[in-house]
Amino acid sequence: MEDSILYAKKYLEDLLSFFGLNTDIYATSEDGEVIELNIPSTHLNGFLIGQRGETMRALQFMVSNALKNQGYTVTRVNVDVAEYKRQRADRLAKTAEEWVKQVQESGEPYDVRPMNAADRRVVHRVAADAGLNSESVGEGHDRHIVLKPAD
């Protein structure tokens, strides 16, 4: 595991150096399954995050593939730039709490707008903490969550 973390950290630091960004990346793995790579805030935040996090996801994909190609067992990677993902998840959790409250008050199911897998996980967690049932439905870009009152 430690070798995977060091390789992923070095790979991403080398990749960023091509953009003229020489920074030290904070790398950890809390659960032993996902390598967390945190890039500190720099003048390139907007560039590294990209539109709706697309560049961050591309960086994740590249690091993950590099790990796979080198034969490492741990290949799941999460790249975050200036805590963008954490702040986004916190904002989404607050919005999800409002959706949960709406379902609890009305007793009617609520269809949440389509979102990516990471955002759906946040909403599922908030719903479970509130005692609601939640289900992902749909395919691809149309995949979304339906919040339902507890059975």
N, C-alpha and C. Protein backbone atom coordinates (compact mmCIF):
# COMPACT_ATOMS: atom_id res chain seq x y z
N MET A 1 0.83 -1.20 0.00
CA MET A 1 0.00 0.00 0.00
C MET A 1 0.87 1.26 0.00
N GLU A 2 1.86 1.27 0.87
CA GLU A 2 2.73 2.45 0.98
C GLU A 2 3.43 2.73 -0.35
N ASP A 3 3.83 1.67 -1.06
CA ASP A 3 4.48 1.85 -2.36
C ASP A 3 3.53 2.49 -3.36
N SER A 4 2.25 2.07 -3.34
CA SER A 4 1.25 2.64 -4.24
C SER A 4 1.09 4.13 -3.97
N ILE A 5 1.02 4.50 -2.69
CA ILE A 5 0.85 5.91 -2.32
C ILE A 5 2.03 6.74 -2.81
N LEU A 6 3.24 6.24 -2.56
CA LEU A 6 4.43 6.98 -2.97
C LEU A 6 4.51 7.12 -4.49
N TYR A 7 4.17 6.05 -5.21
CA TYR A 7 4.20 6.11 -6.67
C TYR A 7 3.18 7.12 -7.18
N ALA A 8 1.95 7.06 -6.66
CA ALA A 8 0.89 7.97 -7.10
C ALA A 8 1.28 9.42 -6.81
N LYS A 9 1.82 9.68 -5.64
CA LYS A 9 2.25 11.03 -5.24
C LYS A 9 3.32 11.54 -6.19
N LYS A 10 4.34 10.75 -6.45
CA LYS A 10 5.44 11.14 -7.32
C LYS A 10 4.95 11.35 -8.75
N TYR A 11 4.08 10.45 -9.23
CA TYR A 11 3.55 10.56 -10.59
C TYR A 11 2.80 11.88 -10.77
N LEU A 12 1.92 12.22 -9.81
CA LEU A 12 1.14 13.45 -9.92
C LEU A 12 2.04 14.68 -9.78
N GLU A 13 3.01 14.64 -8.88
CA GLU A 13 3.94 15.77 -8.76
C GLU A 13 4.71 15.98 -10.06
N ASP A 14 5.17 14.88 -10.68
CA ASP A 14 5.88 15.00 -11.96
C ASP A 14 4.97 15.55 -13.05
N LEU A 15 3.72 15.09 -13.07
CA LEU A 15 2.76 15.57 -14.05
C LEU A 15 2.53 17.07 -13.89
N LEU A 16 2.35 17.52 -12.66
CA LEU A 16 2.11 18.95 -12.41
C LEU A 16 3.33 19.79 -12.74
N SER A 17 4.52 19.21 -12.62
CA SER A 17 5.73 19.98 -12.92
C SER A 17 5.78 20.36 -14.41
N PHE A 18 5.13 19.59 -15.27
CA PHE A 18 5.06 19.95 -16.68
C PHE A 18 4.28 21.25 -16.90
N PHE A 19 3.40 21.58 -15.96
CA PHE A 19 2.65 22.84 -16.03
C PHE A 19 3.35 23.95 -15.26
N GLY A 20 4.57 23.69 -14.81
CA GLY A 20 5.34 24.68 -14.07
C GLY A 20 4.94 24.78 -12.61
N LEU A 21 4.24 23.78 -12.12
CA LEU A 21 3.78 23.80 -10.72
C LEU A 21 4.61 22.79 -9.92
N ASN A 22 5.54 23.29 -9.15
CA ASN A 22 6.36 22.44 -8.31
C ASN A 22 5.84 22.57 -6.88
N THR A 23 5.03 21.63 -6.49
CA THR A 23 4.41 21.67 -5.16
C THR A 23 4.44 20.29 -4.54
N ASP A 24 4.35 20.26 -3.23
CA ASP A 24 4.33 18.99 -2.52
C ASP A 24 2.88 18.57 -2.32
N ILE A 25 2.55 17.38 -2.76
CA ILE A 25 1.19 16.87 -2.67
C ILE A 25 1.05 16.05 -1.40
N TYR A 26 -0.05 16.23 -0.69
CA TYR A 26 -0.34 15.47 0.51
C TYR A 26 -1.05 14.19 0.10
N ALA A 27 -0.44 13.04 0.41
CA ALA A 27 -1.00 11.76 -0.02
C ALA A 27 -1.26 10.86 1.18
N THR A 28 -2.47 10.27 1.24
CA THR A 28 -2.83 9.36 2.32
C THR A 28 -3.76 8.27 1.78
N SER A 29 -4.05 7.32 2.64
CA SER A 29 -5.08 6.33 2.36
C SER A 29 -5.65 5.90 3.70
N GLU A 30 -6.86 6.38 3.99
CA GLU A 30 -7.47 6.09 5.29
C GLU A 30 -8.03 4.68 5.38
N ASP A 31 -8.61 4.20 4.28
CA ASP A 31 -9.27 2.90 4.33
C ASP A 31 -8.48 1.79 3.66
N GLY A 32 -7.34 2.11 3.08
CA GLY A 32 -6.52 1.11 2.42
C GLY A 32 -7.01 0.73 1.03
N GLU A 33 -8.07 1.36 0.56
CA GLU A 33 -8.62 1.05 -0.76
C GLU A 33 -8.49 2.20 -1.75
N VAL A 34 -8.52 3.44 -1.24
CA VAL A 34 -8.47 4.62 -2.10
C VAL A 34 -7.31 5.51 -1.67
N ILE A 35 -6.50 5.90 -2.64
CA ILE A 35 -5.39 6.82 -2.37
C ILE A 35 -5.91 8.24 -2.52
N GLU A 36 -5.78 9.02 -1.46
CA GLU A 36 -6.22 10.42 -1.47
C GLU A 36 -5.02 11.31 -1.79
N LEU A 37 -5.10 12.07 -2.87
CA LEU A 37 -4.03 13.00 -3.26
C LEU A 37 -4.60 14.42 -3.21
N ASN A 38 -4.05 15.23 -2.31
CA ASN A 38 -4.55 16.59 -2.12
C ASN A 38 -3.51 17.59 -2.60
N ILE A 39 -3.89 18.37 -3.62
CA ILE A 39 -3.02 19.41 -4.16
C ILE A 39 -3.36 20.71 -3.43
N PRO A 40 -2.36 21.35 -2.80
CA PRO A 40 -2.65 22.59 -2.07
C PRO A 40 -3.06 23.72 -3.02
N SER A 41 -3.66 24.75 -2.46
CA SER A 41 -4.12 25.89 -3.23
C SER A 41 -2.93 26.61 -3.89
N THR A 42 -3.07 26.87 -5.20
CA THR A 42 -2.03 27.59 -5.95
C THR A 42 -2.72 28.54 -6.92
N HIS A 43 -1.90 29.22 -7.71
CA HIS A 43 -2.45 30.12 -8.73
C HIS A 43 -3.10 29.35 -9.89
N LEU A 44 -2.93 28.03 -9.93
CA LEU A 44 -3.51 27.21 -11.00
C LEU A 44 -4.76 26.45 -10.58
N ASN A 45 -5.37 26.84 -9.47
CA ASN A 45 -6.56 26.11 -8.98
C ASN A 45 -7.62 25.92 -10.05
N GLY A 46 -8.04 27.00 -10.68
CA GLY A 46 -9.10 26.93 -11.69
C GLY A 46 -8.73 26.01 -12.84
N PHE A 47 -7.49 26.07 -13.27
CA PHE A 47 -7.01 25.23 -14.36
C PHE A 47 -7.02 23.76 -13.94
N LEU A 48 -6.54 23.46 -12.73
CA LEU A 48 -6.44 22.08 -12.26
C LEU A 48 -7.80 21.47 -11.92
N ILE A 49 -8.74 22.29 -11.50
CA ILE A 49 -10.08 21.79 -11.19
C ILE A 49 -10.84 21.58 -12.50
N GLY A 50 -10.79 22.56 -13.38
CA GLY A 50 -11.50 22.46 -14.65
C GLY A 50 -12.98 22.73 -14.48
N GLN A 51 -13.69 22.68 -15.58
CA GLN A 51 -15.13 22.94 -15.55
C GLN A 51 -15.83 21.78 -14.85
N ARG A 52 -16.50 22.10 -13.75
CA ARG A 52 -17.22 21.12 -12.92
C ARG A 52 -16.34 19.93 -12.52
N GLY A 53 -15.04 20.19 -12.33
CA GLY A 53 -14.14 19.16 -11.83
C GLY A 53 -13.63 18.19 -12.88
N GLU A 54 -13.85 18.50 -14.16
CA GLU A 54 -13.44 17.58 -15.23
C GLU A 54 -11.94 17.33 -15.24
N THR A 55 -11.13 18.36 -15.05
CA THR A 55 -9.67 18.18 -15.08
C THR A 55 -9.22 17.32 -13.91
N MET A 56 -9.82 17.52 -12.74
CA MET A 56 -9.48 16.68 -11.57
C MET A 56 -9.78 15.22 -11.87
N ARG A 57 -10.93 14.95 -12.48
CA ARG A 57 -11.28 13.57 -12.82
C ARG A 57 -10.30 12.99 -13.83
N ALA A 58 -9.84 13.82 -14.77
CA ALA A 58 -8.85 13.36 -15.75
C ALA A 58 -7.52 13.03 -15.05
N LEU A 59 -7.12 13.85 -14.09
CA LEU A 59 -5.90 13.57 -13.33
C LEU A 59 -6.04 12.27 -12.56
N GLN A 60 -7.19 12.06 -11.95
CA GLN A 60 -7.45 10.81 -11.23
C GLN A 60 -7.30 9.62 -12.16
N PHE A 61 -7.90 9.73 -13.33
CA PHE A 61 -7.86 8.65 -14.31
C PHE A 61 -6.43 8.34 -14.72
N MET A 62 -5.64 9.38 -14.96
CA MET A 62 -4.25 9.18 -15.38
C MET A 62 -3.42 8.51 -14.29
N VAL A 63 -3.57 8.97 -13.06
CA VAL A 63 -2.81 8.38 -11.96
C VAL A 63 -3.25 6.93 -11.73
N SER A 64 -4.54 6.69 -11.77
CA SER A 64 -5.06 5.33 -11.59
C SER A 64 -4.53 4.38 -12.67
N ASN A 65 -4.55 4.83 -13.91
CA ASN A 65 -4.02 4.00 -15.01
C ASN A 65 -2.53 3.75 -14.86
N ALA A 66 -1.80 4.75 -14.41
CA ALA A 66 -0.35 4.58 -14.20
C ALA A 66 -0.11 3.51 -13.13
N LEU A 67 -0.91 3.53 -12.07
CA LEU A 67 -0.78 2.51 -11.02
C LEU A 67 -1.09 1.11 -11.57
N LYS A 68 -2.15 1.01 -12.37
CA LYS A 68 -2.52 -0.28 -12.97
C LYS A 68 -1.41 -0.79 -13.88
N ASN A 69 -0.87 0.11 -14.71
CA ASN A 69 0.18 -0.29 -15.65
C ASN A 69 1.46 -0.74 -14.95
N GLN A 70 1.69 -0.24 -13.74
CA GLN A 70 2.88 -0.63 -12.99
C GLN A 70 2.62 -1.85 -12.10
N GLY A 71 1.38 -2.37 -12.13
CA GLY A 71 1.07 -3.60 -11.41
C GLY A 71 0.75 -3.43 -9.93
N TYR A 72 0.43 -2.22 -9.49
CA TYR A 72 0.06 -2.01 -8.09
C TYR A 72 -1.33 -2.56 -7.83
N THR A 73 -1.55 -3.07 -6.62
CA THR A 73 -2.85 -3.64 -6.29
C THR A 73 -3.88 -2.56 -5.97
N VAL A 74 -3.46 -1.49 -5.33
CA VAL A 74 -4.37 -0.39 -5.02
C VAL A 74 -4.30 0.62 -6.17
N THR A 75 -5.43 0.77 -6.88
CA THR A 75 -5.42 1.65 -8.06
C THR A 75 -6.51 2.72 -8.02
N ARG A 76 -7.35 2.70 -6.99
CA ARG A 76 -8.39 3.74 -6.89
C ARG A 76 -7.76 5.00 -6.32
N VAL A 77 -8.00 6.11 -7.00
CA VAL A 77 -7.36 7.37 -6.64
C VAL A 77 -8.41 8.47 -6.56
N ASN A 78 -8.26 9.35 -5.59
CA ASN A 78 -9.11 10.53 -5.46
C ASN A 78 -8.20 11.75 -5.41
N VAL A 79 -8.30 12.62 -6.42
CA VAL A 79 -7.49 13.84 -6.46
C VAL A 79 -8.39 15.01 -6.08
N ASP A 80 -7.91 15.84 -5.15
CA ASP A 80 -8.65 17.04 -4.74
C ASP A 80 -7.72 18.24 -4.84
N VAL A 81 -8.22 19.33 -5.38
CA VAL A 81 -7.44 20.56 -5.52
C VAL A 81 -8.01 21.60 -4.57
N ALA A 82 -7.18 22.08 -3.65
CA ALA A 82 -7.56 23.14 -2.70
C ALA A 82 -8.87 22.82 -1.99
N GLU A 83 -9.07 21.55 -1.64
CA GLU A 83 -10.26 21.07 -0.93
C GLU A 83 -11.57 21.37 -1.66
N TYR A 84 -11.50 21.47 -2.98
CA TYR A 84 -12.69 21.74 -3.79
C TYR A 84 -13.76 20.67 -3.58
N LYS A 85 -13.37 19.40 -3.65
CA LYS A 85 -14.35 18.31 -3.53
C LYS A 85 -14.99 18.29 -2.15
N ARG A 86 -14.20 18.51 -1.12
CA ARG A 86 -14.75 18.49 0.24
C ARG A 86 -15.76 19.62 0.41
N GLN A 87 -15.41 20.82 -0.05
CA GLN A 87 -16.32 21.96 0.07
C GLN A 87 -17.58 21.73 -0.75
N ARG A 88 -17.43 21.15 -1.93
CA ARG A 88 -18.59 20.87 -2.78
C ARG A 88 -19.50 19.84 -2.10
N ALA A 89 -18.90 18.80 -1.50
CA ALA A 89 -19.68 17.77 -0.80
C ALA A 89 -20.42 18.38 0.39
N ASP A 90 -19.78 19.30 1.10
CA ASP A 90 -20.44 19.96 2.23
C ASP A 90 -21.66 20.78 1.76
N ARG A 91 -21.49 21.52 0.66
CA ARG A 91 -22.61 22.30 0.11
C ARG A 91 -23.75 21.39 -0.34
N LEU A 92 -23.39 20.29 -1.00
CA LEU A 92 -24.39 19.35 -1.48
C LEU A 92 -25.12 18.70 -0.31
N ALA A 93 -24.41 18.39 0.76
CA ALA A 93 -25.03 17.78 1.95
C ALA A 93 -26.08 18.72 2.54
N LYS A 94 -25.78 20.02 2.57
CA LYS A 94 -26.76 20.99 3.09
C LYS A 94 -28.01 21.02 2.20
N THR A 95 -27.82 20.99 0.90
CA THR A 95 -28.95 20.96 -0.03
C THR A 95 -29.74 19.67 0.14
N ALA A 96 -29.03 18.56 0.29
CA ALA A 96 -29.70 17.26 0.46
C ALA A 96 -30.53 17.24 1.74
N GLU A 97 -30.07 17.92 2.78
CA GLU A 97 -30.84 18.00 4.03
C GLU A 97 -32.18 18.69 3.78
N GLU A 98 -32.20 19.69 2.90
CA GLU A 98 -33.46 20.36 2.55
C GLU A 98 -34.38 19.41 1.80
N TRP A 99 -33.81 18.62 0.87
CA TRP A 99 -34.62 17.64 0.14
C TRP A 99 -35.21 16.61 1.10
N VAL A 100 -34.39 16.17 2.05
CA VAL A 100 -34.83 15.19 3.04
C VAL A 100 -35.99 15.75 3.86
N LYS A 101 -35.85 17.00 4.28
CA LYS A 101 -36.89 17.65 5.06
C LYS A 101 -38.19 17.74 4.27
N GLN A 102 -38.07 18.04 2.97
CA GLN A 102 -39.24 18.13 2.08
C GLN A 102 -39.95 16.78 2.00
N VAL A 103 -39.19 15.69 1.88
CA VAL A 103 -39.79 14.35 1.79
C VAL A 103 -40.44 13.98 3.13
N GLN A 104 -39.77 14.31 4.23
CA GLN A 104 -40.32 13.99 5.55
C GLN A 104 -41.62 14.73 5.80
N GLU A 105 -41.71 15.98 5.37
CA GLU A 105 -42.91 16.78 5.59
C GLU A 105 -44.05 16.37 4.67
N SER A 106 -43.73 16.09 3.40
CA SER A 106 -44.80 15.78 2.44
C SER A 106 -45.17 14.30 2.42
N GLY A 107 -44.22 13.44 2.77
CA GLY A 107 -44.46 12.01 2.70
C GLY A 107 -44.44 11.47 1.27
N GLU A 108 -44.07 12.33 0.32
CA GLU A 108 -44.02 11.96 -1.10
C GLU A 108 -42.57 11.75 -1.54
N PRO A 109 -42.34 10.82 -2.49
CA PRO A 109 -40.98 10.64 -3.03
C PRO A 109 -40.51 11.90 -3.74
N TYR A 110 -39.21 12.09 -3.80
CA TYR A 110 -38.63 13.27 -4.44
C TYR A 110 -37.52 12.81 -5.39
N ASP A 111 -37.62 13.20 -6.66
CA ASP A 111 -36.59 12.88 -7.65
C ASP A 111 -35.55 13.99 -7.65
N VAL A 112 -34.33 13.62 -7.35
CA VAL A 112 -33.21 14.57 -7.34
C VAL A 112 -32.67 14.66 -8.77
N ARG A 113 -32.12 15.81 -9.13
CA ARG A 113 -31.56 15.99 -10.47
C ARG A 113 -30.43 14.98 -10.70
N PRO A 114 -30.15 14.64 -11.95
CA PRO A 114 -29.04 13.72 -12.23
C PRO A 114 -27.71 14.28 -11.73
N MET A 115 -26.86 13.38 -11.22
CA MET A 115 -25.55 13.79 -10.70
C MET A 115 -24.56 12.65 -10.81
N ASN A 116 -23.29 12.98 -10.62
CA ASN A 116 -22.25 11.95 -10.73
C ASN A 116 -22.25 11.04 -9.49
N ALA A 117 -21.49 9.97 -9.56
CA ALA A 117 -21.49 8.94 -8.51
C ALA A 117 -21.05 9.50 -7.16
N ALA A 118 -20.03 10.35 -7.16
CA ALA A 118 -19.54 10.90 -5.89
C ALA A 118 -20.61 11.75 -5.22
N ASP A 119 -21.33 12.55 -6.00
CA ASP A 119 -22.41 13.37 -5.44
C ASP A 119 -23.57 12.50 -4.96
N ARG A 120 -23.87 11.45 -5.70
CA ARG A 120 -24.95 10.54 -5.27
C ARG A 120 -24.61 9.89 -3.93
N ARG A 121 -23.34 9.53 -3.74
CA ARG A 121 -22.92 8.93 -2.45
C ARG A 121 -23.20 9.88 -1.29
N VAL A 122 -22.94 11.17 -1.50
CA VAL A 122 -23.19 12.18 -0.46
C VAL A 122 -24.67 12.22 -0.12
N VAL A 123 -25.53 12.24 -1.14
CA VAL A 123 -26.97 12.32 -0.92
C VAL A 123 -27.48 11.04 -0.25
N HIS A 124 -26.99 9.88 -0.69
CA HIS A 124 -27.39 8.61 -0.05
C HIS A 124 -27.03 8.62 1.43
N ARG A 125 -25.84 9.13 1.76
CA ARG A 125 -25.40 9.18 3.16
C ARG A 125 -26.30 10.09 3.99
N VAL A 126 -26.62 11.27 3.46
CA VAL A 126 -27.50 12.21 4.18
C VAL A 126 -28.88 11.58 4.38
N ALA A 127 -29.41 10.94 3.36
CA ALA A 127 -30.73 10.30 3.46
C ALA A 127 -30.71 9.18 4.50
N ALA A 128 -29.68 8.36 4.49
CA ALA A 128 -29.58 7.26 5.46
C ALA A 128 -29.48 7.80 6.88
N ASP A 129 -28.70 8.87 7.07
CA ASP A 129 -28.56 9.48 8.40
C ASP A 129 -29.89 10.01 8.91
N ALA A 130 -30.76 10.43 8.00
CA ALA A 130 -32.07 10.97 8.37
C ALA A 130 -33.14 9.89 8.45
N GLY A 131 -32.78 8.66 8.13
CA GLY A 131 -33.74 7.56 8.20
C GLY A 131 -34.63 7.42 6.98
N LEU A 132 -34.24 8.04 5.87
CA LEU A 132 -35.01 7.92 4.62
C LEU A 132 -34.44 6.81 3.76
N ASN A 133 -35.25 6.30 2.86
CA ASN A 133 -34.78 5.37 1.84
C ASN A 133 -34.36 6.18 0.62
N SER A 134 -33.30 5.73 -0.03
CA SER A 134 -32.86 6.39 -1.26
C SER A 134 -32.45 5.32 -2.25
N GLU A 135 -32.69 5.61 -3.52
CA GLU A 135 -32.40 4.64 -4.57
C GLU A 135 -31.89 5.38 -5.80
N SER A 136 -30.81 4.88 -6.40
CA SER A 136 -30.32 5.43 -7.66
C SER A 136 -31.05 4.75 -8.80
N VAL A 137 -31.57 5.56 -9.73
CA VAL A 137 -32.29 5.03 -10.89
C VAL A 137 -31.79 5.72 -12.15
N GLY A 138 -31.98 5.08 -13.28
CA GLY A 138 -31.56 5.65 -14.55
C GLY A 138 -30.20 5.13 -14.96
N GLU A 139 -29.77 5.53 -16.14
CA GLU A 139 -28.50 5.09 -16.70
C GLU A 139 -27.67 6.28 -17.14
N GLY A 140 -26.36 6.14 -17.07
CA GLY A 140 -25.43 7.14 -17.59
C GLY A 140 -25.63 8.51 -16.98
N HIS A 141 -25.70 9.52 -17.85
CA HIS A 141 -25.84 10.90 -17.40
C HIS A 141 -27.21 11.20 -16.80
N ASP A 142 -28.17 10.31 -17.01
CA ASP A 142 -29.52 10.50 -16.46
C ASP A 142 -29.69 9.83 -15.10
N ARG A 143 -28.65 9.20 -14.56
CA ARG A 143 -28.75 8.50 -13.29
C ARG A 143 -28.97 9.51 -12.16
N HIS A 144 -30.00 9.26 -11.38
CA HIS A 144 -30.33 10.19 -10.32
C HIS A 144 -30.88 9.41 -9.11
N ILE A 145 -31.13 10.13 -8.04
CA ILE A 145 -31.60 9.52 -6.80
C ILE A 145 -33.09 9.84 -6.60
N VAL A 146 -33.82 8.85 -6.10
CA VAL A 146 -35.19 9.07 -5.66
C VAL A 146 -35.19 8.90 -4.15
N LEU A 147 -35.56 9.96 -3.45
CA LEU A 147 -35.67 9.93 -1.98
C LEU A 147 -37.10 9.52 -1.63
N LYS A 148 -37.22 8.55 -0.72
CA LYS A 148 -38.54 8.04 -0.35
C LYS A 148 -38.67 8.01 1.17
N PRO A 149 -39.90 8.21 1.66
CA PRO A 149 -40.10 8.08 3.12
C PRO A 149 -39.75 6.67 3.57
N ALA A 150 -39.33 6.53 4.81
CA ALA A 150 -38.98 5.22 5.35
C ALA A 150 -40.22 4.31 5.33
N ASP A 151 -39.99 3.02 5.07
CA ASP A 151 -41.10 2.06 4.98
C ASP A 151 -41.82 1.89 6.29
